[in-house]
Amino acid sequence: QVQLVESGGGLVQAGGSLRLSCAASGLPFSDRAMGWFRQAPGKEREFVATIASAWIGAKTAYADSVKGRFTISRDNAKNTLYLQMNILKPEDTAVYYCAASGSIRGTMSSRDYTYWGQGTQVTVSS
């Protein structure tokens, strides 16, 4: 049974930082591209960042809104995905979801992701 469990969310002031983690089990973690998505109240789920399988160099990609502030990384030995979020803004407030792709290549489309975590709330106060 595949499980993705996010942690690390919370309340932070604008300009602050948070580090999200996603512990994966039940799937060949190192073989899969992984991604972070988020959903704010009243809005659709949106892409945040993705990282490809280490087999193809763990290439990363980011949404323009977070580029230069967020960093996605993975530790294949620990089956864990991370999202380091710096210079947080109130508009970053959302539930953040970890997702596992069905392939080794990371994409920006939620349709390419097979498994999803339950999400962790991030709230940025102004």
PDB file of N, CA and C in Angstrom:
ATOM      1  N   GLN A   1       0.846  -1.192   0.000  1.00  0.00           N
ATOM      2  CA  GLN A   1       0.000   0.000   0.000  1.00  0.00           C
ATOM      3  C   GLN A   1       0.884   1.247   0.000  1.00  0.00           C
ATOM      4  N   VAL A   2       0.624   2.124  -0.956  1.00  0.00           N
ATOM      5  CA  VAL A   2       1.415   3.336  -1.075  1.00  0.00           C
ATOM      6  C   VAL A   2       0.925   4.378  -0.067  1.00  0.00           C
ATOM      7  N   GLN A   3       1.882   4.978   0.611  1.00  0.00           N
ATOM      8  CA  GLN A   3       1.558   6.065   1.538  1.00  0.00           C
ATOM      9  C   GLN A   3       2.515   7.224   1.332  1.00  0.00           C
ATOM     10  N   LEU A   4       1.962   8.420   1.278  1.00  0.00           N
ATOM     11  CA  LEU A   4       2.733   9.653   1.246  1.00  0.00           C
ATOM     12  C   LEU A   4       2.244  10.505   2.412  1.00  0.00           C
ATOM     13  N   VAL A   5       3.146  10.819   3.326  1.00  0.00           N
ATOM     14  CA  VAL A   5       2.755  11.544   4.535  1.00  0.00           C
ATOM     15  C   VAL A   5       3.560  12.829   4.633  1.00  0.00           C
ATOM     16  N   GLU A   6       2.849  13.949   4.499  1.00  0.00           N
ATOM     17  CA  GLU A   6       3.500  15.259   4.585  1.00  0.00           C
ATOM     18  C   GLU A   6       3.594  15.717   6.033  1.00  0.00           C
ATOM     19  N   SER A   7       4.602  16.539   6.297  1.00  0.00           N
ATOM     20  CA  SER A   7       4.756  17.166   7.604  1.00  0.00           C
ATOM     21  C   SER A   7       5.532  18.460   7.432  1.00  0.00           C
ATOM     22  N   GLY A   8       5.516  19.282   8.482  1.00  0.00           N
ATOM     23  CA  GLY A   8       6.312  20.501   8.454  1.00  0.00           C
ATOM     24  C   GLY A   8       5.535  21.777   8.213  1.00  0.00           C
ATOM     25  N   GLY A   9       4.252  21.661   7.950  1.00  0.00           N
ATOM     26  CA  GLY A   9       3.457  22.862   7.751  1.00  0.00           C
ATOM     27  C   GLY A   9       3.247  23.607   9.055  1.00  0.00           C
ATOM     28  N   GLY A  10       2.670  24.813   8.954  1.00  0.00           N
ATOM     29  CA  GLY A  10       2.407  25.595  10.143  1.00  0.00           C
ATOM     30  C   GLY A  10       2.141  27.037   9.819  1.00  0.00           C
ATOM     31  N   LEU A  11       2.182  27.859  10.853  1.00  0.00           N
ATOM     32  CA  LEU A  11       1.950  29.295  10.726  1.00  0.00           C
ATOM     33  C   LEU A  11       3.281  30.024  10.795  1.00  0.00           C
ATOM     34  N   VAL A  12       3.517  30.913   9.848  1.00  0.00           N
ATOM     35  CA  VAL A  12       4.775  31.657   9.810  1.00  0.00           C
ATOM     36  C   VAL A  12       4.481  33.073   9.330  1.00  0.00           C
ATOM     37  N   GLN A  13       5.309  34.001   9.755  1.00  0.00           N
ATOM     38  CA  GLN A  13       5.157  35.379   9.308  1.00  0.00           C
ATOM     39  C   GLN A  13       5.744  35.549   7.909  1.00  0.00           C
ATOM     40  N   ALA A  14       5.234  36.533   7.197  1.00  0.00           N
ATOM     41  CA  ALA A  14       5.778  36.839   5.873  1.00  0.00           C
ATOM     42  C   ALA A  14       7.281  37.094   5.979  1.00  0.00           C
ATOM     43  N   GLY A  15       8.010  36.539   5.015  1.00  0.00           N
ATOM     44  CA  GLY A  15       9.461  36.643   5.028  1.00  0.00           C
ATOM     45  C   GLY A  15      10.149  35.477   5.701  1.00  0.00           C
ATOM     46  N   GLY A  16       9.376  34.652   6.380  1.00  0.00           N
ATOM     47  CA  GLY A  16       9.943  33.514   7.089  1.00  0.00           C
ATOM     48  C   GLY A  16      10.130  32.301   6.195  1.00  0.00           C
ATOM     49  N   SER A  17      10.513  31.186   6.842  1.00  0.00           N
ATOM     50  CA  SER A  17      10.813  29.952   6.116  1.00  0.00           C
ATOM     51  C   SER A  17      10.130  28.763   6.767  1.00  0.00           C
ATOM     52  N   LEU A  18       9.871  27.762   5.955  1.00  0.00           N
ATOM     53  CA  LEU A  18       9.387  26.471   6.423  1.00  0.00           C
ATOM     54  C   LEU A  18      10.001  25.393   5.540  1.00  0.00           C
ATOM     55  N   ARG A  19      10.134  24.204   6.102  1.00  0.00           N
ATOM     56  CA  ARG A  19      10.609  23.059   5.328  1.00  0.00           C
ATOM     57  C   ARG A  19       9.576  21.947   5.437  1.00  0.00           C
ATOM     58  N   LEU A  20       8.997  21.595   4.310  1.00  0.00           N
ATOM     59  CA  LEU A  20       8.047  20.500   4.267  1.00  0.00           C
ATOM     60  C   LEU A  20       8.773  19.195   3.960  1.00  0.00           C
ATOM     61  N   SER A  21       8.270  18.118   4.538  1.00  0.00           N
ATOM     62  CA  SER A  21       8.789  16.787   4.258  1.00  0.00           C
ATOM     63  C   SER A  21       7.650  15.891   3.813  1.00  0.00           C
ATOM     64  N   CYS A  22       7.996  14.887   3.018  1.00  0.00           N
ATOM     65  CA  CYS A  22       7.014  13.902   2.573  1.00  0.00           C
ATOM     66  C   CYS A  22       7.668  12.532   2.661  1.00  0.00           C
ATOM     67  N   ALA A  23       7.208  11.722   3.591  1.00  0.00           N
ATOM     68  CA  ALA A  23       7.733  10.374   3.761  1.00  0.00           C
ATOM     69  C   ALA A  23       6.933   9.413   2.900  1.00  0.00           C
ATOM     70  N   ALA A  24       7.630   8.695   2.032  1.00  0.00           N
ATOM     71  CA  ALA A  24       6.976   7.783   1.097  1.00  0.00           C
ATOM     72  C   ALA A  24       7.242   6.335   1.475  1.00  0.00           C
ATOM     73  N   SER A  25       6.240   5.501   1.264  1.00  0.00           N
ATOM     74  CA  SER A  25       6.404   4.061   1.485  1.00  0.00           C
ATOM     75  C   SER A  25       5.516   3.309   0.510  1.00  0.00           C
ATOM     76  N   GLY A  26       5.902   2.050   0.240  1.00  0.00           N
ATOM     77  CA  GLY A  26       5.088   1.202  -0.618  1.00  0.00           C
ATOM     78  C   GLY A  26       5.275   1.417  -2.105  1.00  0.00           C
ATOM     79  N   LEU A  27       6.298   2.196  -2.489  1.00  0.00           N
ATOM     80  CA  LEU A  27       6.552   2.392  -3.919  1.00  0.00           C
ATOM     81  C   LEU A  27       8.053   2.540  -4.129  1.00  0.00           C
ATOM     82  N   PRO A  28       8.525   2.294  -5.360  1.00  0.00           N
ATOM     83  CA  PRO A  28       9.969   2.443  -5.656  1.00  0.00           C
ATOM     84  C   PRO A  28      10.326   3.921  -5.750  1.00  0.00           C
ATOM     85  N   PHE A  29      10.546   4.539  -4.607  1.00  0.00           N
ATOM     86  CA  PHE A  29      10.682   5.996  -4.511  1.00  0.00           C
ATOM     87  C   PHE A  29      11.731   6.540  -5.461  1.00  0.00           C
ATOM     88  N   SER A  30      12.896   5.921  -5.508  1.00  0.00           N
ATOM     89  CA  SER A  30      13.990   6.464  -6.312  1.00  0.00           C
ATOM     90  C   SER A  30      13.683   6.419  -7.805  1.00  0.00           C
ATOM     91  N   ASP A  31      12.751   5.573  -8.202  1.00  0.00           N
ATOM     92  CA  ASP A  31      12.415   5.438  -9.622  1.00  0.00           C
ATOM     93  C   ASP A  31      11.388   6.461 -10.088  1.00  0.00           C
ATOM     94  N   ARG A  32      10.731   7.120  -9.139  1.00  0.00           N
ATOM     95  CA  ARG A  32       9.611   7.976  -9.494  1.00  0.00           C
ATOM     96  C   ARG A  32       9.971   9.454  -9.438  1.00  0.00           C
ATOM     97  N   ALA A  33       9.467  10.215 -10.389  1.00  0.00           N
ATOM     98  CA  ALA A  33       9.476  11.662 -10.223  1.00  0.00           C
ATOM     99  C   ALA A  33       8.483  11.999  -9.117  1.00  0.00           C
ATOM    100  N   MET A  34       8.774  13.077  -8.398  1.00  0.00           N
ATOM    101  CA  MET A  34       7.926  13.510  -7.296  1.00  0.00           C
ATOM    102  C   MET A  34       7.577  14.987  -7.473  1.00  0.00           C
ATOM    103  N   GLY A  35       6.488  15.382  -6.862  1.00  0.00           N
ATOM    104  CA  GLY A  35       6.091  16.777  -7.005  1.00  0.00           C
ATOM    105  C   GLY A  35       5.407  17.335  -5.781  1.00  0.00           C
ATOM    106  N   TRP A  36       5.368  18.643  -5.719  1.00  0.00           N
ATOM    107  CA  TRP A  36       4.592  19.369  -4.712  1.00  0.00           C
ATOM    108  C   TRP A  36       3.552  20.218  -5.442  1.00  0.00           C
ATOM    109  N   PHE A  37       2.342  20.172  -4.938  1.00  0.00           N
ATOM    110  CA  PHE A  37       1.253  20.994  -5.418  1.00  0.00           C
ATOM    111  C   PHE A  37       0.637  21.707  -4.217  1.00  0.00           C
ATOM    112  N   ARG A  38      -0.165  22.717  -4.495  1.00  0.00           N
ATOM    113  CA  ARG A  38      -0.843  23.403  -3.393  1.00  0.00           C
ATOM    114  C   ARG A  38      -2.232  23.849  -3.829  1.00  0.00           C
ATOM    115  N   GLN A  39      -3.085  24.023  -2.825  1.00  0.00           N
ATOM    116  CA  GLN A  39      -4.447  24.468  -3.094  1.00  0.00           C
ATOM    117  C   GLN A  39      -4.868  25.465  -2.027  1.00  0.00           C
ATOM    118  N   ALA A  40      -5.143  26.675  -2.473  1.00  0.00           N
ATOM    119  CA  ALA A  40      -5.625  27.718  -1.578  1.00  0.00           C
ATOM    120  C   ALA A  40      -7.152  27.683  -1.543  1.00  0.00           C
ATOM    121  N   PRO A  41      -7.756  28.220  -0.496  1.00  0.00           N
ATOM    122  CA  PRO A  41      -9.226  28.218  -0.385  1.00  0.00           C
ATOM    123  C   PRO A  41      -9.876  28.873  -1.602  1.00  0.00           C
ATOM    124  N   GLY A  42     -10.822  28.178  -2.190  1.00  0.00           N
ATOM    125  CA  GLY A  42     -11.554  28.723  -3.328  1.00  0.00           C
ATOM    126  C   GLY A  42     -10.806  28.682  -4.644  1.00  0.00           C
ATOM    127  N   LYS A  43      -9.637  28.064  -4.649  1.00  0.00           N
ATOM    128  CA  LYS A  43      -8.844  28.008  -5.878  1.00  0.00           C
ATOM    129  C   LYS A  43      -8.569  26.561  -6.267  1.00  0.00           C
ATOM    130  N   GLU A  44      -8.168  26.375  -7.510  1.00  0.00           N
ATOM    131  CA  GLU A  44      -7.825  25.043  -7.976  1.00  0.00           C
ATOM    132  C   GLU A  44      -6.428  24.659  -7.485  1.00  0.00           C
ATOM    133  N   ARG A  45      -6.188  23.366  -7.445  1.00  0.00           N
ATOM    134  CA  ARG A  45      -4.862  22.885  -7.077  1.00  0.00           C
ATOM    135  C   ARG A  45      -3.870  23.326  -8.150  1.00  0.00           C
ATOM    136  N   GLU A  46      -2.700  23.790  -7.714  1.00  0.00           N
ATOM    137  CA  GLU A  46      -1.708  24.268  -8.674  1.00  0.00           C
ATOM    138  C   GLU A  46      -0.340  23.653  -8.425  1.00  0.00           C
ATOM    139  N   PHE A  47       0.399  23.553  -9.489  1.00  0.00           N
ATOM    140  CA  PHE A  47       1.765  23.009  -9.448  1.00  0.00           C
ATOM    141  C   PHE A  47       2.686  23.953  -8.694  1.00  0.00           C
ATOM    142  N   VAL A  48       3.586  23.376  -7.900  1.00  0.00           N
ATOM    143  CA  VAL A  48       4.599  24.155  -7.191  1.00  0.00           C
ATOM    144  C   VAL A  48       6.003  23.784  -7.678  1.00  0.00           C
ATOM    145  N   ALA A  49       6.339  22.502  -7.594  1.00  0.00           N
ATOM    146  CA  ALA A  49       7.689  22.071  -7.965  1.00  0.00           C
ATOM    147  C   ALA A  49       7.685  20.578  -8.244  1.00  0.00           C
ATOM    148  N   THR A  50       8.656  20.159  -9.051  1.00  0.00           N
ATOM    149  CA  THR A  50       8.820  18.743  -9.335  1.00  0.00           C
ATOM    150  C   THR A  50      10.297  18.395  -9.412  1.00  0.00           C
ATOM    151  N   ILE A  51      10.589  17.134  -9.123  1.00  0.00           N
ATOM    152  CA  ILE A  51      11.956  16.639  -9.215  1.00  0.00           C
ATOM    153  C   ILE A  51      11.910  15.268  -9.871  1.00  0.00           C
ATOM    154  N   ALA A  52      12.747  15.077 -10.866  1.00  0.00           N
ATOM    155  CA  ALA A  52      12.774  13.817 -11.604  1.00  0.00           C
ATOM    156  C   ALA A  52      13.490  12.743 -10.808  1.00  0.00           C
ATOM    157  N   SER A  53      13.387  11.530 -11.299  1.00  0.00           N
ATOM    158  CA  SER A  53      14.114  10.422 -10.689  1.00  0.00           C
ATOM    159  C   SER A  53      15.618  10.697 -10.735  1.00  0.00           C
ATOM    160  N   ALA A  54      16.323  10.190  -9.743  1.00  0.00           N
ATOM    161  CA  ALA A  54      17.775  10.341  -9.715  1.00  0.00           C
ATOM    162  C   ALA A  54      18.412   9.632 -10.907  1.00  0.00           C
ATOM    163  N   TRP A  55      17.728   8.654 -11.468  1.00  0.00           N
ATOM    164  CA  TRP A  55      18.273   7.927 -12.614  1.00  0.00           C
ATOM    165  C   TRP A  55      18.499   8.835 -13.816  1.00  0.00           C
ATOM    166  N   ILE A  56      17.771   9.935 -13.868  1.00  0.00           N
ATOM    167  CA  ILE A  56      17.973  10.878 -14.971  1.00  0.00           C
ATOM    168  C   ILE A  56      18.421  12.230 -14.438  1.00  0.00           C
ATOM    169  N   GLY A  57      19.081  12.212 -13.306  1.00  0.00           N
ATOM    170  CA  GLY A  57      19.735  13.412 -12.825  1.00  0.00           C
ATOM    171  C   GLY A  57      18.931  14.286 -11.892  1.00  0.00           C
ATOM    172  N   ALA A  58      17.744  13.803 -11.480  1.00  0.00           N
ATOM    173  CA  ALA A  58      16.936  14.555 -10.508  1.00  0.00           C
ATOM    174  C   ALA A  58      16.724  16.002 -10.926  1.00  0.00           C
ATOM    175  N   LYS A  59      16.421  16.204 -12.178  1.00  0.00           N
ATOM    176  CA  LYS A  59      16.176  17.551 -12.699  1.00  0.00           C
ATOM    177  C   LYS A  59      14.956  18.154 -12.016  1.00  0.00           C
ATOM    178  N   THR A  60      15.027  19.466 -11.733  1.00  0.00           N
ATOM    179  CA  THR A  60      13.937  20.131 -11.032  1.00  0.00           C
ATOM    180  C   THR A  60      13.263  21.175 -11.914  1.00  0.00           C
ATOM    181  N   ALA A  61      12.026  21.489 -11.574  1.00  0.00           N
ATOM    182  CA  ALA A  61      11.287  22.551 -12.251  1.00  0.00           C
ATOM    183  C   ALA A  61      10.354  23.194 -11.237  1.00  0.00           C
ATOM    184  N   TYR A  62      10.082  24.491 -11.432  1.00  0.00           N
ATOM    185  CA  TYR A  62       9.306  25.248 -10.467  1.00  0.00           C
ATOM    186  C   TYR A  62       8.248  26.114 -11.162  1.00  0.00           C
ATOM    187  N   ALA A  63       7.188  26.383 -10.434  1.00  0.00           N
ATOM    188  CA  ALA A  63       6.242  27.389 -10.887  1.00  0.00           C
ATOM    189  C   ALA A  63       6.928  28.752 -10.817  1.00  0.00           C
ATOM    190  N   ASP A  64       6.564  29.636 -11.724  1.00  0.00           N
ATOM    191  CA  ASP A  64       7.186  30.961 -11.738  1.00  0.00           C
ATOM    192  C   ASP A  64       6.987  31.698 -10.415  1.00  0.00           C
ATOM    193  N   SER A  65       5.866  31.452  -9.766  1.00  0.00           N
ATOM    194  CA  SER A  65       5.528  32.176  -8.536  1.00  0.00           C
ATOM    195  C   SER A  65       6.445  31.817  -7.363  1.00  0.00           C
ATOM    196  N   VAL A  66       7.133  30.676  -7.443  1.00  0.00           N
ATOM    197  CA  VAL A  66       7.992  30.258  -6.328  1.00  0.00           C
ATOM    198  C   VAL A  66       9.461  30.165  -6.718  1.00  0.00           C
ATOM    199  N   LYS A  67       9.749  30.362  -7.986  1.00  0.00           N
ATOM    200  CA  LYS A  67      11.122  30.225  -8.461  1.00  0.00           C
ATOM    201  C   LYS A  67      12.036  31.201  -7.729  1.00  0.00           C
ATOM    202  N   GLY A  68      13.168  30.690  -7.249  1.00  0.00           N
ATOM    203  CA  GLY A  68      14.108  31.514  -6.510  1.00  0.00           C
ATOM    204  C   GLY A  68      13.834  31.580  -5.016  1.00  0.00           C
ATOM    205  N   ARG A  69      12.666  31.110  -4.588  1.00  0.00           N
ATOM    206  CA  ARG A  69      12.330  31.121  -3.158  1.00  0.00           C
ATOM    207  C   ARG A  69      12.181  29.706  -2.599  1.00  0.00           C
ATOM    208  N   PHE A  70      11.703  28.779  -3.411  1.00  0.00           N
ATOM    209  CA  PHE A  70      11.482  27.399  -2.972  1.00  0.00           C
ATOM    210  C   PHE A  70      12.525  26.482  -3.610  1.00  0.00           C
ATOM    211  N   THR A  71      12.874  25.424  -2.881  1.00  0.00           N
ATOM    212  CA  THR A  71      13.790  24.411  -3.395  1.00  0.00           C
ATOM    213  C   THR A  71      13.249  23.028  -3.091  1.00  0.00           C
ATOM    214  N   ILE A  72      13.098  22.222  -4.116  1.00  0.00           N
ATOM    215  CA  ILE A  72      12.660  20.838  -3.952  1.00  0.00           C
ATOM    216  C   ILE A  72      13.884  19.938  -3.964  1.00  0.00           C
ATOM    217  N   SER A  73      13.869  18.922  -3.109  1.00  0.00           N
ATOM    218  CA  SER A  73      14.973  17.972  -3.068  1.00  0.00           C
ATOM    219  C   SER A  73      14.439  16.618  -2.611  1.00  0.00           C
ATOM    220  N   ARG A  74      15.283  15.604  -2.770  1.00  0.00           N
ATOM    221  CA  ARG A  74      14.877  14.259  -2.375  1.00  0.00           C
ATOM    222  C   ARG A  74      16.049  13.527  -1.752  1.00  0.00           C
ATOM    223  N   ASP A  75      15.741  12.650  -0.797  1.00  0.00           N
ATOM    224  CA  ASP A  75      16.736  11.772  -0.189  1.00  0.00           C
ATOM    225  C   ASP A  75      16.255  10.351  -0.446  1.00  0.00           C
ATOM    226  N   ASN A  76      16.823   9.718  -1.451  1.00  0.00           N
ATOM    227  CA  ASN A  76      16.352   8.388  -1.837  1.00  0.00           C
ATOM    228  C   ASN A  76      16.653   7.336  -0.775  1.00  0.00           C
ATOM    229  N   ALA A  77      17.701   7.544   0.004  1.00  0.00           N
ATOM    230  CA  ALA A  77      18.031   6.603   1.071  1.00  0.00           C
ATOM    231  C   ALA A  77      16.964   6.604   2.165  1.00  0.00           C
ATOM    232  N   LYS A  78      16.312   7.759   2.333  1.00  0.00           N
ATOM    233  CA  LYS A  78      15.283   7.891   3.366  1.00  0.00           C
ATOM    234  C   LYS A  78      13.870   7.862   2.786  1.00  0.00           C
ATOM    235  N   ASN A  79      13.748   7.707   1.474  1.00  0.00           N
ATOM    236  CA  ASN A  79      12.441   7.742   0.816  1.00  0.00           C
ATOM    237  C   ASN A  79      11.655   8.996   1.201  1.00  0.00           C
ATOM    238  N   THR A  80      12.330  10.114   1.165  1.00  0.00           N
ATOM    239  CA  THR A  80      11.724  11.356   1.629  1.00  0.00           C
ATOM    240  C   THR A  80      11.933  12.477   0.615  1.00  0.00           C
ATOM    241  N   LEU A  81      10.869  13.230   0.415  1.00  0.00           N
ATOM    242  CA  LEU A  81      10.867  14.396  -0.454  1.00  0.00           C
ATOM    243  C   LEU A  81      10.792  15.640   0.424  1.00  0.00           C
ATOM    244  N   TYR A  82      11.456  16.710  -0.001  1.00  0.00           N
ATOM    245  CA  TYR A  82      11.467  17.946   0.778  1.00  0.00           C
ATOM    246  C   TYR A  82      11.056  19.138  -0.084  1.00  0.00           C
ATOM    247  N   LEU A  83      10.563  20.171   0.593  1.00  0.00           N
ATOM    248  CA  LEU A  83      10.339  21.457  -0.046  1.00  0.00           C
ATOM    249  C   LEU A  83      10.782  22.541   0.940  1.00  0.00           C
ATOM    250  N   GLN A  84      11.913  23.156   0.637  1.00  0.00           N
ATOM    251  CA  GLN A  84      12.383  24.271   1.443  1.00  0.00           C
ATOM    252  C   GLN A  84      11.751  25.540   0.907  1.00  0.00           C
ATOM    253  N   MET A  85      11.033  26.246   1.764  1.00  0.00           N
ATOM    254  CA  MET A  85      10.319  27.442   1.356  1.00  0.00           C
ATOM    255  C   MET A  85      10.877  28.645   2.109  1.00  0.00           C
ATOM    256  N   ASN A  86      11.435  29.578   1.380  1.00  0.00           N
ATOM    257  CA  ASN A  86      12.010  30.790   1.954  1.00  0.00           C
ATOM    258  C   ASN A  86      11.258  32.022   1.463  1.00  0.00           C
ATOM    259  N   ILE A  87      11.454  33.111   2.158  1.00  0.00           N
ATOM    260  CA  ILE A  87      10.832  34.395   1.804  1.00  0.00           C
ATOM    261  C   ILE A  87       9.348  34.171   1.543  1.00  0.00           C
ATOM    262  N   LEU A  88       8.678  33.551   2.469  1.00  0.00           N
ATOM    263  CA  LEU A  88       7.272  33.222   2.289  1.00  0.00           C
ATOM    264  C   LEU A  88       6.407  34.475   2.245  1.00  0.00           C
ATOM    265  N   LYS A  89       5.358  34.400   1.437  1.00  0.00           N
ATOM    266  CA  LYS A  89       4.434  35.502   1.236  1.00  0.00           C
ATOM    267  C   LYS A  89       3.024  35.049   1.627  1.00  0.00           C
ATOM    268  N   PRO A  90       2.159  35.972   1.992  1.00  0.00           N
ATOM    269  CA  PRO A  90       0.773  35.586   2.329  1.00  0.00           C
ATOM    270  C   PRO A  90       0.099  34.782   1.211  1.00  0.00           C
ATOM    271  N   GLU A  91       0.434  35.062  -0.031  1.00  0.00           N
ATOM    272  CA  GLU A  91      -0.165  34.333  -1.150  1.00  0.00           C
ATOM    273  C   GLU A  91       0.336  32.901  -1.265  1.00  0.00           C
ATOM    274  N   ASP A  92       1.311  32.519  -0.467  1.00  0.00           N
ATOM    275  CA  ASP A  92       1.756  31.123  -0.415  1.00  0.00           C
ATOM    276  C   ASP A  92       0.867  30.285   0.506  1.00  0.00           C
ATOM    277  N   THR A  93      -0.040  30.924   1.200  1.00  0.00           N
ATOM    278  CA  THR A  93      -0.947  30.217   2.096  1.00  0.00           C
ATOM    279  C   THR A  93      -1.797  29.219   1.322  1.00  0.00           C
ATOM    280  N   ALA A  94      -1.740  27.956   1.741  1.00  0.00           N
ATOM    281  CA  ALA A  94      -2.452  26.884   1.028  1.00  0.00           C
ATOM    282  C   ALA A  94      -2.224  25.573   1.760  1.00  0.00           C
ATOM    283  N   VAL A  95      -2.962  24.558   1.329  1.00  0.00           N
ATOM    284  CA  VAL A  95      -2.630  23.186   1.716  1.00  0.00           C
ATOM    285  C   VAL A  95      -1.648  22.658   0.679  1.00  0.00           C
ATOM    286  N   TYR A  96      -0.531  22.137   1.145  1.00  0.00           N
ATOM    287  CA  TYR A  96       0.515  21.635   0.266  1.00  0.00           C
ATOM    288  C   TYR A  96       0.463  20.117   0.214  1.00  0.00           C
ATOM    289  N   TYR A  97       0.477  19.596  -1.007  1.00  0.00           N
ATOM    290  CA  TYR A  97       0.370  18.161  -1.243  1.00  0.00           C
ATOM    291  C   TYR A  97       1.627  17.616  -1.900  1.00  0.00           C
ATOM    292  N   CYS A  98       2.047  16.472  -1.435  1.00  0.00           N
ATOM    293  CA  CYS A  98       3.124  15.694  -2.036  1.00  0.00           C
ATOM    294  C   CYS A  98       2.484  14.700  -3.008  1.00  0.00           C
ATOM    295  N   ALA A  99       3.138  14.459  -4.145  1.00  0.00           N
ATOM    296  CA  ALA A  99       2.582  13.539  -5.123  1.00  0.00           C
ATOM    297  C   ALA A  99       3.685  12.730  -5.791  1.00  0.00           C
ATOM    298  N   ALA A 100       3.370  11.487  -6.128  1.00  0.00           N
ATOM    299  CA  ALA A 100       4.306  10.601  -6.815  1.00  0.00           C
ATOM    300  C   ALA A 100       3.838  10.391  -8.246  1.00  0.00           C
ATOM    301  N   SER A 101       4.746  10.616  -9.176  1.00  0.00           N
ATOM    302  CA  SER A 101       4.416  10.471 -10.590  1.00  0.00           C
ATOM    303  C   SER A 101       4.397   9.008 -11.000  1.00  0.00           C
ATOM    304  N   GLY A 102       3.777   8.754 -12.140  1.00  0.00           N
ATOM    305  CA  GLY A 102       3.804   7.419 -12.701  1.00  0.00           C
ATOM    306  C   GLY A 102       5.024   7.166 -13.568  1.00  0.00           C
ATOM    307  N   SER A 103       5.924   8.142 -13.654  1.00  0.00           N
ATOM    308  CA  SER A 103       7.104   7.984 -14.501  1.00  0.00           C
ATOM    309  C   SER A 103       8.337   8.554 -13.819  1.00  0.00           C
ATOM    310  N   ILE A 104       9.463   8.464 -14.510  1.00  0.00           N
ATOM    311  CA  ILE A 104      10.709   8.989 -13.956  1.00  0.00           C
ATOM    312  C   ILE A 104      10.863  10.485 -14.223  1.00  0.00           C
ATOM    313  N   ARG A 105      10.079  11.012 -15.146  1.00  0.00           N
ATOM    314  CA  ARG A 105      10.219  12.420 -15.523  1.00  0.00           C
ATOM    315  C   ARG A 105       9.186  13.274 -14.794  1.00  0.00           C
ATOM    316  N   GLY A 106       9.642  14.373 -14.241  1.00  0.00           N
ATOM    317  CA  GLY A 106       8.732  15.269 -13.546  1.00  0.00           C
ATOM    318  C   GLY A 106       7.954  16.132 -14.523  1.00  0.00           C
ATOM    319  N   THR A 107       6.695  16.346 -14.235  1.00  0.00           N
ATOM    320  CA  THR A 107       5.860  17.214 -15.059  1.00  0.00           C
ATOM    321  C   THR A 107       5.092  18.187 -14.175  1.00  0.00           C
ATOM    322  N   MET A 108       4.464  19.161 -14.812  1.00  0.00           N
ATOM    323  CA  MET A 108       3.710  20.170 -14.078  1.00  0.00           C
ATOM    324  C   MET A 108       2.224  19.846 -14.000  1.00  0.00           C
ATOM    325  N   SER A 109       1.803  18.781 -14.644  1.00  0.00           N
ATOM    326  CA  SER A 109       0.385  18.441 -14.680  1.00  0.00           C
ATOM    327  C   SER A 109       0.020  17.463 -13.573  1.00  0.00           C
ATOM    328  N   SER A 110      -0.994  17.799 -12.806  1.00  0.00           N
ATOM    329  CA  SER A 110      -1.429  16.908 -11.734  1.00  0.00           C
ATOM    330  C   SER A 110      -1.936  15.576 -12.279  1.00  0.00           C
ATOM    331  N   ARG A 111      -2.346  15.549 -13.528  1.00  0.00           N
ATOM    332  CA  ARG A 111      -2.862  14.302 -14.121  1.00  0.00           C
ATOM    333  C   ARG A 111      -1.773  13.231 -14.258  1.00  0.00           C
ATOM    334  N   ASP A 112      -0.520  13.653 -14.247  1.00  0.00           N
ATOM    335  CA  ASP A 112       0.588  12.701 -14.394  1.00  0.00           C
ATOM    336  C   ASP A 112       1.011  12.076 -13.073  1.00  0.00           C
ATOM    337  N   TYR A 113       0.376  12.467 -11.995  1.00  0.00           N
ATOM    338  CA  TYR A 113       0.747  11.977 -10.671  1.00  0.00           C
ATOM    339  C   TYR A 113      -0.272  10.965 -10.181  1.00  0.00           C
ATOM    340  N   THR A 114       0.260   9.827  -9.744  1.00  0.00           N
ATOM    341  CA  THR A 114      -0.591   8.676  -9.427  1.00  0.00           C
ATOM    342  C   THR A 114      -1.039   8.654  -7.974  1.00  0.00           C
ATOM    343  N   TYR A 115      -0.127   9.022  -7.084  1.00  0.00           N
ATOM    344  CA  TYR A 115      -0.411   8.935  -5.650  1.00  0.00           C
ATOM    345  C   TYR A 115      -0.261  10.301  -5.010  1.00  0.00           C
ATOM    346  N   TRP A 116      -1.111  10.546  -4.019  1.00  0.00           N
ATOM    347  CA  TRP A 116      -1.142  11.840  -3.352  1.00  0.00           C
ATOM    348  C   TRP A 116      -1.173  11.668  -1.839  1.00  0.00           C
ATOM    349  N   GLY A 117      -0.538  12.603  -1.149  1.00  0.00           N
ATOM    350  CA  GLY A 117      -0.634  12.641   0.302  1.00  0.00           C
ATOM    351  C   GLY A 117      -1.892  13.367   0.746  1.00  0.00           C
ATOM    352  N   GLN A 118      -2.085  13.462   2.053  1.00  0.00           N
ATOM    353  CA  GLN A 118      -3.272  14.098   2.610  1.00  0.00           C
ATOM    354  C   GLN A 118      -3.136  15.615   2.691  1.00  0.00           C
ATOM    355  N   GLY A 119      -1.927  16.107   2.598  1.00  0.00           N
ATOM    356  CA  GLY A 119      -1.700  17.544   2.618  1.00  0.00           C
ATOM    357  C   GLY A 119      -1.302  18.073   3.984  1.00  0.00           C
ATOM    358  N   THR A 120      -0.602  19.194   3.970  1.00  0.00           N
ATOM    359  CA  THR A 120      -0.220  19.882   5.193  1.00  0.00           C
ATOM    360  C   THR A 120      -0.481  21.382   5.001  1.00  0.00           C
ATOM    361  N   GLN A 121      -1.058  22.009   6.016  1.00  0.00           N
ATOM    362  CA  GLN A 121      -1.459  23.412   5.904  1.00  0.00           C
ATOM    363  C   GLN A 121      -0.267  24.340   6.134  1.00  0.00           C
ATOM    364  N   VAL A 122      -0.110  25.290   5.241  1.00  0.00           N
ATOM    365  CA  VAL A 122       0.878  26.356   5.405  1.00  0.00           C
ATOM    366  C   VAL A 122       0.122  27.676   5.419  1.00  0.00           C
ATOM    367  N   THR A 123       0.307  28.448   6.477  1.00  0.00           N
ATOM    368  CA  THR A 123      -0.347  29.737   6.600  1.00  0.00           C
ATOM    369  C   THR A 123       0.706  30.808   6.826  1.00  0.00           C
ATOM    370  N   VAL A 124       0.697  31.813   5.972  1.00  0.00           N
ATOM    371  CA  VAL A 124       1.668  32.899   6.053  1.00  0.00           C
ATOM    372  C   VAL A 124       0.916  34.178   6.413  1.00  0.00           C
ATOM    373  N   SER A 125       1.256  34.745   7.554  1.00  0.00           N
ATOM    374  CA  SER A 125       0.586  35.963   8.001  1.00  0.00           C
ATOM    375  C   SER A 125       1.358  37.191   7.534  1.00  0.00           C
ATOM    376  N   SER A 126       0.628  38.255   7.294  1.00  0.00           N
ATOM    377  CA  SER A 126       1.265  39.495   6.804  1.00  0.00           C
ATOM    378  C   SER A 126       1.675  40.407   7.946  1.00  0.00           C
TER     379      SER A 126
END
